[in-house]
Amino acid sequence: MNNSEKLVQVFSEALGIESEVVVDDLQYNTIKQWDSTAHMVLVSELEAAFDVMLDTDDIIDMSSVGKAKAILGKYDVTF
């Protein structure tokens, strides 16, 4: 499984949504499943899946799937 597939799987499982919904433009709070509580679950799952520890600013800035890719890129995760 490549990193893009892993990212889609993590978003899908953490938010309880279909993988087809996980696109770069999907934004925080635009679907009912991605609220503040789910955001923290998502962060935890991303950290575990990619073996990183996100800093507070990155957690706050993670406002979309595309932004998550950019943030993970800062931790040497490539897509």
C-alpha atoms as a PDB file:
ATOM      1  CA  MET A   1       0.000   0.000   0.000  1.00  0.00           C
ATOM      2  CA  ASN A   2       1.462   3.350  -0.992  1.00  0.00           C
ATOM      3  CA  ASN A   3       1.189   6.522   1.105  1.00  0.00           C
ATOM      4  CA  SER A   4      -1.728   7.936  -0.896  1.00  0.00           C
ATOM      5  CA  GLU A   5      -3.731   4.749  -0.382  1.00  0.00           C
ATOM      6  CA  LYS A   6      -2.786   4.726   3.301  1.00  0.00           C
ATOM      7  CA  LEU A   7      -3.936   8.334   3.697  1.00  0.00           C
ATOM      8  CA  VAL A   8      -7.302   7.593   2.089  1.00  0.00           C
ATOM      9  CA  GLN A   9      -7.724   4.539   4.310  1.00  0.00           C
ATOM     10  CA  VAL A  10      -6.918   6.501   7.471  1.00  0.00           C
ATOM     11  CA  PHE A  11      -9.352   9.309   6.605  1.00  0.00           C
ATOM     12  CA  SER A  12     -12.036   6.816   5.624  1.00  0.00           C
ATOM     13  CA  GLU A  13     -11.725   4.769   8.807  1.00  0.00           C
ATOM     14  CA  ALA A  14     -11.224   7.681  11.224  1.00  0.00           C
ATOM     15  CA  LEU A  15     -14.181   9.629   9.856  1.00  0.00           C
ATOM     16  CA  GLY A  16     -16.377   6.653   8.979  1.00  0.00           C
ATOM     17  CA  ILE A  17     -16.796   7.726   5.352  1.00  0.00           C
ATOM     18  CA  GLU A  18     -16.470   6.011   1.999  1.00  0.00           C
ATOM     19  CA  SER A  19     -12.989   6.150   0.478  1.00  0.00           C
ATOM     20  CA  GLU A  20     -14.413   7.817  -2.655  1.00  0.00           C
ATOM     21  CA  VAL A  21     -15.264  10.891  -0.543  1.00  0.00           C
ATOM     22  CA  VAL A  22     -11.610  11.338   0.478  1.00  0.00           C
ATOM     23  CA  VAL A  23     -10.298  13.826  -2.082  1.00  0.00           C
ATOM     24  CA  ASP A  24      -7.860  16.730  -1.682  1.00  0.00           C
ATOM     25  CA  ASP A  25     -10.723  19.255  -1.571  1.00  0.00           C
ATOM     26  CA  LEU A  26     -12.524  17.565   1.352  1.00  0.00           C
ATOM     27  CA  GLN A  27     -12.427  20.118   4.180  1.00  0.00           C
ATOM     28  CA  TYR A  28     -12.849  20.060   7.926  1.00  0.00           C
ATOM     29  CA  ASN A  29     -16.447  20.709   9.043  1.00  0.00           C
ATOM     30  CA  THR A  30     -17.871  20.422   5.508  1.00  0.00           C
ATOM     31  CA  ILE A  31     -19.225  16.985   6.321  1.00  0.00           C
ATOM     32  CA  LYS A  32     -20.851  16.146   9.635  1.00  0.00           C
ATOM     33  CA  GLN A  33     -18.409  13.300  10.278  1.00  0.00           C
ATOM     34  CA  TRP A  34     -15.367  15.616  10.383  1.00  0.00           C
ATOM     35  CA  ASP A  35     -15.967  17.590  13.544  1.00  0.00           C
ATOM     36  CA  SER A  36     -13.544  18.525  16.321  1.00  0.00           C
ATOM     37  CA  THR A  37     -13.764  15.152  18.048  1.00  0.00           C
ATOM     38  CA  ALA A  38     -13.250  13.217  14.825  1.00  0.00           C
ATOM     39  CA  HIS A  39     -10.366  15.554  13.978  1.00  0.00           C
ATOM     40  CA  MET A  40      -8.453  14.403  17.049  1.00  0.00           C
ATOM     41  CA  VAL A  41      -9.119  10.748  16.191  1.00  0.00           C
ATOM     42  CA  LEU A  42      -7.920  11.461  12.663  1.00  0.00           C
ATOM     43  CA  VAL A  43      -4.731  13.093  13.941  1.00  0.00           C
ATOM     44  CA  SER A  44      -4.014  10.124  16.188  1.00  0.00           C
ATOM     45  CA  GLU A  45      -4.578   7.676  13.338  1.00  0.00           C
ATOM     46  CA  LEU A  46      -2.400   9.687  10.942  1.00  0.00           C
ATOM     47  CA  GLU A  47       0.408   9.808  13.504  1.00  0.00           C
ATOM     48  CA  ALA A  48       0.224   6.040  13.981  1.00  0.00           C
ATOM     49  CA  ALA A  49      -0.041   5.212  10.281  1.00  0.00           C
ATOM     50  CA  PHE A  50       2.847   7.439   9.221  1.00  0.00           C
ATOM     51  CA  ASP A  51       4.949   7.130  12.403  1.00  0.00           C
ATOM     52  CA  VAL A  52       5.087  10.897  13.018  1.00  0.00           C
ATOM     53  CA  MET A  53       4.270  13.250  15.878  1.00  0.00           C
ATOM     54  CA  LEU A  54       2.422  16.302  14.582  1.00  0.00           C
ATOM     55  CA  ASP A  55       2.956  19.570  16.399  1.00  0.00           C
ATOM     56  CA  THR A  56       0.044  21.675  17.637  1.00  0.00           C
ATOM     57  CA  ASP A  57       0.204  24.196  14.777  1.00  0.00           C
ATOM     58  CA  ASP A  58       0.051  21.389  12.219  1.00  0.00           C
ATOM     59  CA  ILE A  59      -2.967  19.835  13.947  1.00  0.00           C
ATOM     60  CA  ILE A  60      -4.776  23.179  13.914  1.00  0.00           C
ATOM     61  CA  ASP A  61      -3.781  23.911  10.294  1.00  0.00           C
ATOM     62  CA  MET A  62      -4.968  20.530   8.975  1.00  0.00           C
ATOM     63  CA  SER A  63      -8.115  21.847   7.329  1.00  0.00           C
ATOM     64  CA  SER A  64      -8.396  19.539   4.311  1.00  0.00           C
ATOM     65  CA  VAL A  65      -7.081  16.312   2.854  1.00  0.00           C
ATOM     66  CA  GLY A  66      -4.754  18.314   0.608  1.00  0.00           C
ATOM     67  CA  LYS A  67      -3.457  20.268   3.588  1.00  0.00           C
ATOM     68  CA  ALA A  68      -2.891  16.984   5.457  1.00  0.00           C
ATOM     69  CA  LYS A  69      -0.676  15.827   2.583  1.00  0.00           C
ATOM     70  CA  ALA A  70       1.307  19.074   2.720  1.00  0.00           C
ATOM     71  CA  ILE A  71       1.718  18.843   6.493  1.00  0.00           C
ATOM     72  CA  LEU A  72       2.806  15.208   6.351  1.00  0.00           C
ATOM     73  CA  GLY A  73       5.305  16.239   3.684  1.00  0.00           C
ATOM     74  CA  LYS A  74       7.041  18.345   6.323  1.00  0.00           C
ATOM     75  CA  TYR A  75       7.705  15.050   8.116  1.00  0.00           C
ATOM     76  CA  ASP A  76       9.239  13.450   5.002  1.00  0.00           C
ATOM     77  CA  VAL A  77       6.077  11.557   3.985  1.00  0.00           C
ATOM     78  CA  THR A  78       5.801  11.624   0.188  1.00  0.00           C
ATOM     79  CA  PHE A  79       2.696  11.269  -1.947  1.00  0.00           C
END
